[in-house]
C-alpha atoms as a PDB file:
ATOM      1  CA  MET A   1       4.586  41.418  15.280  1.00  0.00           C
ATOM      2  CA  THR A   2       5.749  38.031  16.495  1.00  0.00           C
ATOM      3  CA  PHE A   3       5.142  34.470  15.335  1.00  0.00           C
ATOM      4  CA  ASP A   4       5.976  30.993  16.526  1.00  0.00           C
ATOM      5  CA  GLN A   5       9.326  29.885  15.080  1.00  0.00           C
ATOM      6  CA  ASN A   6       9.256  26.453  16.745  1.00  0.00           C
ATOM      7  CA  PHE A   7       8.317  24.596  13.582  1.00  0.00           C
ATOM      8  CA  ASP A   8       9.098  20.880  13.465  1.00  0.00           C
ATOM      9  CA  TRP A   9      10.798  20.733  10.054  1.00  0.00           C
ATOM     10  CA  GLU A  10      11.454  16.986  10.246  1.00  0.00           C
ATOM     11  CA  LYS A  11       7.792  16.224  10.915  1.00  0.00           C
ATOM     12  CA  GLY A  12       6.699  18.686   8.252  1.00  0.00           C
ATOM     13  CA  ALA A  13       8.996  17.180   5.623  1.00  0.00           C
ATOM     14  CA  ALA A  14       7.860  13.646   6.474  1.00  0.00           C
ATOM     15  CA  SER A  15       4.236  14.708   6.230  1.00  0.00           C
ATOM     16  CA  THR A  16       4.856  16.271   2.813  1.00  0.00           C
ATOM     17  CA  LEU A  17       6.560  13.111   1.539  1.00  0.00           C
ATOM     18  CA  ASP A  18       3.622  11.016   2.778  1.00  0.00           C
ATOM     19  CA  TRP A  19       1.191  13.284   0.937  1.00  0.00           C
ATOM     20  CA  TRP A  20       3.104  13.045  -2.340  1.00  0.00           C
ATOM     21  CA  HIS A  21       3.276   9.271  -1.906  1.00  0.00           C
ATOM     22  CA  GLU A  22      -0.500   9.048  -1.513  1.00  0.00           C
ATOM     23  CA  ALA A  23      -0.874  11.311  -4.561  1.00  0.00           C
ATOM     24  CA  GLY A  24       1.007   8.731  -6.640  1.00  0.00           C
ATOM     25  CA  VAL A  25       4.571  10.112  -6.748  1.00  0.00           C
ATOM     26  CA  GLU A  26       6.920   7.153  -6.392  1.00  0.00           C
ATOM     27  CA  TRP A  27      10.418   8.587  -6.840  1.00  0.00           C
ATOM     28  CA  LEU A  28      11.677  12.124  -6.335  1.00  0.00           C
ATOM     29  CA  THR A  29      15.150  11.607  -7.801  1.00  0.00           C
ATOM     30  CA  VAL A  30      17.290   8.935  -9.418  1.00  0.00           C
ATOM     31  CA  GLU A  31      21.019   8.374  -9.068  1.00  0.00           C
ATOM     32  CA  GLN A  32      21.823   8.910 -12.761  1.00  0.00           C
ATOM     33  CA  PRO A  33      20.803  11.772 -15.090  1.00  0.00           C
ATOM     34  CA  ARG A  34      18.019  11.099 -17.577  1.00  0.00           C
ATOM     35  CA  ASN A  35      17.758  12.259 -21.166  1.00  0.00           C
ATOM     36  CA  TRP A  36      14.202  13.576 -21.269  1.00  0.00           C
ATOM     37  CA  LEU A  37      14.582  14.492 -24.953  1.00  0.00           C
ATOM     38  CA  ALA A  38      15.341  10.929 -26.036  1.00  0.00           C
ATOM     39  CA  LEU A  39      12.742   9.032 -28.034  1.00  0.00           C
ATOM     40  CA  PRO A  40      10.724   6.531 -25.951  1.00  0.00           C
ATOM     41  CA  ALA A  41      12.366   3.485 -27.571  1.00  0.00           C
ATOM     42  CA  GLU A  42      15.845   4.874 -26.969  1.00  0.00           C
ATOM     43  CA  ARG A  43      15.005   5.795 -23.384  1.00  0.00           C
ATOM     44  CA  ALA A  44      13.665   2.295 -22.708  1.00  0.00           C
ATOM     45  CA  ALA A  45      16.801   0.750 -24.156  1.00  0.00           C
ATOM     46  CA  ASN A  46      19.019   2.997 -22.016  1.00  0.00           C
ATOM     47  CA  PRO A  47      17.372   3.577 -18.641  1.00  0.00           C
ATOM     48  CA  PRO A  48      18.998   5.816 -16.021  1.00  0.00           C
ATOM     49  CA  GLY A  49      22.179   4.166 -14.730  1.00  0.00           C
ATOM     50  CA  ALA A  50      22.676   1.978 -17.813  1.00  0.00           C
ATOM     51  CA  ASP A  51      26.120   1.767 -19.415  1.00  0.00           C
ATOM     52  CA  VAL A  52      25.650   3.375 -22.841  1.00  0.00           C
ATOM     53  CA  SER A  53      29.349   3.305 -23.765  1.00  0.00           C
ATOM     54  CA  ARG A  54      28.834   0.067 -25.716  1.00  0.00           C
ATOM     55  CA  ARG A  55      25.742   0.647 -27.848  1.00  0.00           C
ATOM     56  CA  ASP A  56      26.546  -2.350 -30.074  1.00  0.00           C
ATOM     57  CA  ALA A  57      26.607  -4.840 -27.214  1.00  0.00           C
ATOM     58  CA  SER A  58      23.877  -7.475 -27.244  1.00  0.00           C
ATOM     59  CA  PRO A  59      21.355  -6.945 -24.450  1.00  0.00           C
ATOM     60  CA  SER A  60      21.593  -9.564 -21.763  1.00  0.00           C
ATOM     61  CA  ALA A  61      18.527 -11.599 -20.890  1.00  0.00           C
ATOM     62  CA  PRO A  62      16.747 -10.400 -17.746  1.00  0.00           C
ATOM     63  CA  ALA A  63      17.318 -12.508 -14.691  1.00  0.00           C
ATOM     64  CA  ALA A  64      14.416 -14.791 -13.901  1.00  0.00           C
ATOM     65  CA  PRO A  65      12.628 -13.754 -10.706  1.00  0.00           C
ATOM     66  CA  THR A  66      12.992 -16.077  -7.775  1.00  0.00           C
ATOM     67  CA  ALA A  67       9.750 -17.973  -7.271  1.00  0.00           C
ATOM     68  CA  LEU A  68       8.167 -17.418  -3.887  1.00  0.00           C
ATOM     69  CA  ARG A  69       7.175 -20.503  -1.942  1.00  0.00           C
ATOM     70  CA  LEU A  70       4.011 -19.344  -0.266  1.00  0.00           C
ATOM     71  CA  PRO A  71       2.353 -21.359   2.514  1.00  0.00           C
ATOM     72  CA  GLU A  72      -0.841 -23.039   1.381  1.00  0.00           C
ATOM     73  CA  THR A  73      -2.842 -22.516   4.573  1.00  0.00           C
ATOM     74  CA  LEU A  74      -3.620 -19.382   6.547  1.00  0.00           C
ATOM     75  CA  ALA A  75      -2.307 -21.020   9.729  1.00  0.00           C
ATOM     76  CA  ALA A  76       1.087 -21.480   8.100  1.00  0.00           C
ATOM     77  CA  PHE A  77       0.994 -18.156   6.234  1.00  0.00           C
ATOM     78  CA  ALA A  78       0.610 -15.954   9.349  1.00  0.00           C
ATOM     79  CA  PRO A  79       3.980 -16.829  10.955  1.00  0.00           C
ATOM     80  CA  TRP A  80       5.699 -16.992   7.557  1.00  0.00           C
ATOM     81  CA  ARG A  81       4.586 -13.436   6.795  1.00  0.00           C
ATOM     82  CA  LEU A  82       6.675 -12.128   9.701  1.00  0.00           C
ATOM     83  CA  SER A  83       9.593 -14.484   9.106  1.00  0.00           C
ATOM     84  CA  ASP A  84      12.940 -13.928   7.412  1.00  0.00           C
ATOM     85  CA  ASP A  85      11.634 -15.744   4.327  1.00  0.00           C
ATOM     86  CA  ALA A  86       9.159 -12.994   3.387  1.00  0.00           C
ATOM     87  CA  PRO A  87      10.132 -10.513   0.626  1.00  0.00           C
ATOM     88  CA  ASP A  88      10.251  -7.531   2.991  1.00  0.00           C
ATOM     89  CA  ALA A  89      12.388  -9.269   5.632  1.00  0.00           C
ATOM     90  CA  ALA A  90      15.485  -7.363   4.469  1.00  0.00           C
ATOM     91  CA  LEU A  91      13.959  -4.029   5.500  1.00  0.00           C
ATOM     92  CA  SER A  92      15.092  -2.777   8.890  1.00  0.00           C
ATOM     93  CA  GLY A  93      12.441  -1.845  11.398  1.00  0.00           C
ATOM     94  CA  GLU A  94       9.650  -3.222  13.508  1.00  0.00           C
ATOM     95  CA  ARG A  95       7.568  -5.861  11.743  1.00  0.00           C
ATOM     96  CA  ILE A  96       3.845  -5.414  12.273  1.00  0.00           C
ATOM     97  CA  GLY A  97       1.572  -8.037  10.786  1.00  0.00           C
ATOM     98  CA  ALA A  98      -2.139  -8.412  10.277  1.00  0.00           C
ATOM     99  CA  ALA A  99      -4.513  -7.645  13.154  1.00  0.00           C
ATOM    100  CA  GLY A 100      -7.958  -9.015  13.885  1.00  0.00           C
ATOM    101  CA  ALA A 101      -9.738 -12.201  12.911  1.00  0.00           C
ATOM    102  CA  ALA A 102      -9.313 -13.486   9.366  1.00  0.00           C
ATOM    103  CA  THR A 103     -12.946 -14.613   9.547  1.00  0.00           C
ATOM    104  CA  ALA A 104     -14.159 -10.995   9.759  1.00  0.00           C
ATOM    105  CA  PRO A 105     -16.512  -9.932   6.951  1.00  0.00           C
ATOM    106  CA  LEU A 106     -14.263  -6.999   5.987  1.00  0.00           C
ATOM    107  CA  MET A 107     -10.557  -7.146   5.117  1.00  0.00           C
ATOM    108  CA  VAL A 108      -8.917  -3.703   5.204  1.00  0.00           C
ATOM    109  CA  ILE A 109      -5.613  -3.356   3.364  1.00  0.00           C
ATOM    110  CA  ILE A 110      -3.056  -0.562   3.762  1.00  0.00           C
ATOM    111  CA  ASP A 111       0.415  -0.235   2.265  1.00  0.00           C
ATOM    112  CA  THR A 112       2.857  -0.065   5.204  1.00  0.00           C
ATOM    113  CA  PRO A 113       2.909   0.684   8.931  1.00  0.00           C
ATOM    114  CA  GLY A 114       3.037   4.380   9.818  1.00  0.00           C
ATOM    115  CA  ARG A 115       5.755   6.253  11.663  1.00  0.00           C
ATOM    116  CA  GLU A 116       3.960   5.946  15.009  1.00  0.00           C
ATOM    117  CA  ASP A 117       2.977   2.300  14.614  1.00  0.00           C
ATOM    118  CA  ALA A 118       6.267   0.765  15.738  1.00  0.00           C
ATOM    119  CA  VAL A 119       6.038   2.631  19.048  1.00  0.00           C
ATOM    120  CA  ALA A 120       2.340   1.900  19.504  1.00  0.00           C
ATOM    121  CA  GLY A 121       2.741  -1.740  18.457  1.00  0.00           C
ATOM    122  CA  GLN A 122      -0.289  -1.638  16.151  1.00  0.00           C
ATOM    123  CA  LEU A 123      -1.242  -0.587  12.661  1.00  0.00           C
ATOM    124  CA  LEU A 124      -2.945   2.766  12.117  1.00  0.00           C
ATOM    125  CA  SER A 125      -2.036   4.486  15.369  1.00  0.00           C
ATOM    126  CA  GLY A 126      -1.778   8.193  16.094  1.00  0.00           C
ATOM    127  CA  PRO A 127      -4.038  10.762  14.375  1.00  0.00           C
ATOM    128  CA  ALA A 128      -4.504   8.546  11.303  1.00  0.00           C
ATOM    129  CA  GLY A 129      -5.567   5.677  13.534  1.00  0.00           C
ATOM    130  CA  ARG A 130      -8.090   7.773  15.427  1.00  0.00           C
ATOM    131  CA  LEU A 131      -9.584   8.950  12.142  1.00  0.00           C
ATOM    132  CA  PHE A 132      -9.680   5.384  10.873  1.00  0.00           C
ATOM    133  CA  GLU A 133     -11.593   4.262  13.955  1.00  0.00           C
ATOM    134  CA  ARG A 134     -14.139   7.046  13.400  1.00  0.00           C
ATOM    135  CA  MET A 135     -14.487   5.968   9.775  1.00  0.00           C
ATOM    136  CA  MET A 136     -15.199   2.393  10.832  1.00  0.00           C
ATOM    137  CA  ALA A 137     -17.620   3.559  13.528  1.00  0.00           C
ATOM    138  CA  ALA A 138     -19.515   5.549  10.889  1.00  0.00           C
ATOM    139  CA  ILE A 139     -20.419   2.276   9.155  1.00  0.00           C
ATOM    140  CA  GLY A 140     -21.066   0.404  12.404  1.00  0.00           C
ATOM    141  CA  LEU A 141     -17.703  -1.363  12.745  1.00  0.00           C
ATOM    142  CA  SER A 142     -14.729  -1.351  15.096  1.00  0.00           C
ATOM    143  CA  ARG A 143     -11.242  -2.811  14.936  1.00  0.00           C
ATOM    144  CA  ASP A 144     -12.661  -6.014  16.413  1.00  0.00           C
ATOM    145  CA  ASP A 145     -14.956  -6.404  13.402  1.00  0.00           C
ATOM    146  CA  ILE A 146     -12.290  -6.207  10.672  1.00  0.00           C
ATOM    147  CA  TYR A 147      -9.143  -7.943   9.488  1.00  0.00           C
ATOM    148  CA  LEU A 148      -6.489  -5.228   9.049  1.00  0.00           C
ATOM    149  CA  VAL A 149      -3.569  -6.164   6.783  1.00  0.00           C
ATOM    150  CA  PRO A 150      -0.434  -4.278   5.666  1.00  0.00           C
ATOM    151  CA  MET A 151       0.924  -5.063   2.223  1.00  0.00           C
ATOM    152  CA  CYS A 152       4.435  -4.531   3.652  1.00  0.00           C
ATOM    153  CA  VAL A 153       4.981  -5.357   7.335  1.00  0.00           C
ATOM    154  CA  VAL A 154       7.849  -2.851   7.729  1.00  0.00           C
ATOM    155  CA  ARG A 155       7.774   0.869   6.956  1.00  0.00           C
ATOM    156  CA  PRO A 156      10.518   1.526   4.343  1.00  0.00           C
ATOM    157  CA  ALA A 157      12.972   4.298   5.145  1.00  0.00           C
ATOM    158  CA  ALA A 158      11.740   6.318   2.150  1.00  0.00           C
ATOM    159  CA  ALA A 159       8.068   5.567   3.015  1.00  0.00           C
ATOM    160  CA  ARG A 160       7.571   3.929  -0.393  1.00  0.00           C
ATOM    161  CA  LEU A 161       8.209   0.527  -1.906  1.00  0.00           C
ATOM    162  CA  ALA A 162      10.780  -0.083  -4.615  1.00  0.00           C
ATOM    163  CA  PRO A 163       9.124  -1.421  -7.808  1.00  0.00           C
ATOM    164  CA  GLU A 164      10.667  -4.887  -7.532  1.00  0.00           C
ATOM    165  CA  MET A 165       9.588  -5.227  -3.912  1.00  0.00           C
ATOM    166  CA  GLU A 166       6.103  -3.948  -4.706  1.00  0.00           C
ATOM    167  CA  GLU A 167       5.785  -6.650  -7.359  1.00  0.00           C
ATOM    168  CA  ALA A 168       6.830  -9.404  -4.945  1.00  0.00           C
ATOM    169  CA  LEU A 169       4.636  -8.102  -2.143  1.00  0.00           C
ATOM    170  CA  GLY A 170       1.737  -7.805  -4.574  1.00  0.00           C
ATOM    171  CA  ALA A 171       1.984 -11.545  -5.226  1.00  0.00           C
ATOM    172  CA  VAL A 172       2.059 -12.198  -1.488  1.00  0.00           C
ATOM    173  CA  LEU A 173      -0.965  -9.951  -0.938  1.00  0.00           C
ATOM    174  CA  ARG A 174      -2.994 -11.654  -3.654  1.00  0.00           C
ATOM    175  CA  HIS A 175      -2.161 -15.023  -2.101  1.00  0.00           C
ATOM    176  CA  HIS A 176      -3.182 -13.710   1.329  1.00  0.00           C
ATOM    177  CA  VAL A 177      -6.529 -12.496  -0.015  1.00  0.00           C
ATOM    178  CA  GLY A 178      -7.084 -15.873  -1.633  1.00  0.00           C
ATOM    179  CA  LEU A 179      -6.456 -17.694   1.649  1.00  0.00           C
ATOM    180  CA  VAL A 180      -8.849 -15.424   3.554  1.00  0.00           C
ATOM    181  CA  ALA A 181     -11.487 -15.054   0.800  1.00  0.00           C
ATOM    182  CA  PRO A 182     -13.273 -12.157   2.568  1.00  0.00           C
ATOM    183  CA  PRO A 183     -16.750 -11.043   1.466  1.00  0.00           C
ATOM    184  CA  ARG A 184     -15.545  -7.429   1.188  1.00  0.00           C
ATOM    185  CA  LEU A 185     -12.221  -5.619   0.752  1.00  0.00           C
ATOM    186  CA  LEU A 186     -11.447  -2.002   1.644  1.00  0.00           C
ATOM    187  CA  ILE A 187      -8.237  -0.907  -0.086  1.00  0.00           C
ATOM    188  CA  MET A 188      -6.644   2.214   1.391  1.00  0.00           C
ATOM    189  CA  ALA A 189      -3.399   2.890  -0.485  1.00  0.00           C
ATOM    190  CA  ASN A 190      -1.966   2.998  -3.995  1.00  0.00           C
ATOM    191  CA  ALA A 191       0.366  -0.015  -3.791  1.00  0.00           C
ATOM    192  CA  PRO A 192      -2.303  -2.549  -2.731  1.00  0.00           C
ATOM    193  CA  SER A 193      -4.731  -0.960  -5.188  1.00  0.00           C
ATOM    194  CA  ARG A 194      -2.275  -1.598  -7.999  1.00  0.00           C
ATOM    195  CA  ALA A 195      -1.703  -5.160  -6.775  1.00  0.00           C
ATOM    196  CA  LEU A 196      -5.395  -6.061  -6.562  1.00  0.00           C
ATOM    197  CA  LEU A 197      -7.168  -3.681  -8.964  1.00  0.00           C
ATOM    198  CA  GLY A 198      -4.403  -2.852 -11.426  1.00  0.00           C
ATOM    199  CA  THR A 199      -4.595   0.913 -10.913  1.00  0.00           C
ATOM    200  CA  ASP A 200      -4.049   3.680  -8.357  1.00  0.00           C
ATOM    201  CA  ILE A 201      -6.653   4.827  -5.839  1.00  0.00           C
ATOM    202  CA  ALA A 202      -7.579   7.902  -7.889  1.00  0.00           C
ATOM    203  CA  ALA A 203      -8.725   5.741 -10.799  1.00  0.00           C
ATOM    204  CA  ALA A 204     -10.094   2.869  -8.701  1.00  0.00           C
ATOM    205  CA  ARG A 205     -12.415   4.943  -6.521  1.00  0.00           C
ATOM    206  CA  GLY A 206     -16.094   5.476  -7.182  1.00  0.00           C
ATOM    207  CA  SER A 207     -17.296   1.985  -8.007  1.00  0.00           C
ATOM    208  CA  LEU A 208     -17.634  -1.419  -6.427  1.00  0.00           C
ATOM    209  CA  ARG A 209     -14.912  -3.640  -7.888  1.00  0.00           C
ATOM    210  CA  VAL A 210     -14.580  -7.413  -7.985  1.00  0.00           C
ATOM    211  CA  VAL A 211     -11.290  -9.068  -7.051  1.00  0.00           C
ATOM    212  CA  ASN A 212     -10.816 -12.597  -8.344  1.00  0.00           C
ATOM    213  CA  HIS A 213      -8.574 -14.829  -6.253  1.00  0.00           C
ATOM    214  CA  ALA A 214      -7.884 -18.470  -5.463  1.00  0.00           C
ATOM    215  CA  GLY A 215     -10.702 -18.510  -2.904  1.00  0.00           C
ATOM    216  CA  GLY A 216     -13.319 -17.101  -5.292  1.00  0.00           C
ATOM    217  CA  GLN A 217     -14.336 -13.437  -5.548  1.00  0.00           C
ATOM    218  CA  SER A 218     -14.499 -10.464  -3.171  1.00  0.00           C
ATOM    219  CA  GLY A 219     -16.259  -7.132  -3.613  1.00  0.00           C
ATOM    220  CA  ALA A 220     -13.732  -4.309  -3.240  1.00  0.00           C
ATOM    221  CA  VAL A 221     -13.854  -0.566  -2.656  1.00  0.00           C
ATOM    222  CA  ALA A 222     -10.826   1.722  -2.890  1.00  0.00           C
ATOM    223  CA  THR A 223     -10.499   4.887  -0.852  1.00  0.00           C
ATOM    224  CA  PHE A 224      -7.946   7.305   0.575  1.00  0.00           C
ATOM    225  CA  HIS A 225      -5.582   6.300   3.364  1.00  0.00           C
ATOM    226  CA  PRO A 226      -6.495   7.972   6.684  1.00  0.00           C
ATOM    227  CA  ARG A 227      -3.105   9.722   6.819  1.00  0.00           C
ATOM    228  CA  PHE A 228      -3.976  11.426   3.515  1.00  0.00           C
ATOM    229  CA  LEU A 229      -7.305  12.526   4.964  1.00  0.00           C
ATOM    230  CA  VAL A 230      -5.588  13.940   8.053  1.00  0.00           C
ATOM    231  CA  GLU A 231      -3.510  16.167   5.780  1.00  0.00           C
ATOM    232  CA  ARG A 232      -6.339  16.910   3.335  1.00  0.00           C
ATOM    233  CA  PRO A 233      -9.628  17.083   5.286  1.00  0.00           C
ATOM    234  CA  ALA A 234     -11.491  18.298   2.187  1.00  0.00           C
ATOM    235  CA  ALA A 235     -11.222  14.760   0.795  1.00  0.00           C
ATOM    236  CA  LYS A 236     -13.240  13.325   3.691  1.00  0.00           C
ATOM    237  CA  ALA A 237     -16.505  13.876   1.832  1.00  0.00           C
ATOM    238  CA  GLU A 238     -15.269  11.684  -1.018  1.00  0.00           C
ATOM    239  CA  ALA A 239     -14.068   9.051   1.458  1.00  0.00           C
ATOM    240  CA  TRP A 240     -17.534   9.020   3.025  1.00  0.00           C
ATOM    241  CA  LYS A 241     -19.017   8.236  -0.391  1.00  0.00           C
ATOM    242  CA  ASP A 242     -16.601   5.312  -0.661  1.00  0.00           C
ATOM    243  CA  LEU A 243     -17.658   3.981   2.729  1.00  0.00           C
ATOM    244  CA  GLN A 244     -21.311   4.214   1.734  1.00  0.00           C
ATOM    245  CA  LEU A 245     -20.470   2.248  -1.395  1.00  0.00           C
ATOM    246  CA  LEU A 246     -18.749  -0.366   0.749  1.00  0.00           C
ATOM    247  CA  LEU A 247     -21.749  -0.553   3.051  1.00  0.00           C
ATOM    248  CA  HIS A 248     -24.540  -0.581   0.491  1.00  0.00           C
ATOM    249  CA  GLY A 249     -22.869  -1.613  -2.761  1.00  0.00           C
ATOM    250  CA  GLY A 250     -24.943  -0.522  -5.704  1.00  0.00           C
ATOM    251  CA  ASP A 251     -28.194  -0.375  -3.674  1.00  0.00           C
ATOM    252  CA  ARG A 252     -27.997   3.226  -2.472  1.00  0.00           C
END
């Protein structure tokens, strides 16, 4: 009996990490050991990596976050988003910004560009992109009919955002939504779901949400990222329900 031993381990490992990321796992390991038996208060006071040799030392005040100076118009925001002043400018890699017309009735938000996107020069390329286009076609839309936005314009090396960067990019995303003020939002990843809805996709799905922003309000639906659906086709039926909710709201 023979079998194909030409397995692409690098691609397989990357696919597995993407799946865990979509499932909500943020960090696989930390640099310092963690005392899992410590009481919650003690653990909070001594997080992994903290110097616990001086327990009697007074805790220092947390550093105040640097305030972001966000452009006040969409015309100024678009070039700023890809500039060295944006929070994700320190990440190495191809920067891929929003695509489509900001006046489109639907704003689609993902977390980061995919592995193939830098080569293709567009968001949602490869198998995930082809599935995404079929999803849009199922509700009578194409890429030309939507405004596609990444929360982070560069794919991080670990395929996930550090908490402090996610917080900063969440503020940028909320500002972006306020400038566009779209009638509807389709949120397709955990990080933007947390930024706009306050919870992960798993908890946000199943109902039409309302996002308040500087430009007013937008109806929002959360669903799985197409790359998750490529790996887990059984979830497509649930994603179809989300698209129907986006299309018809509560009038189904």
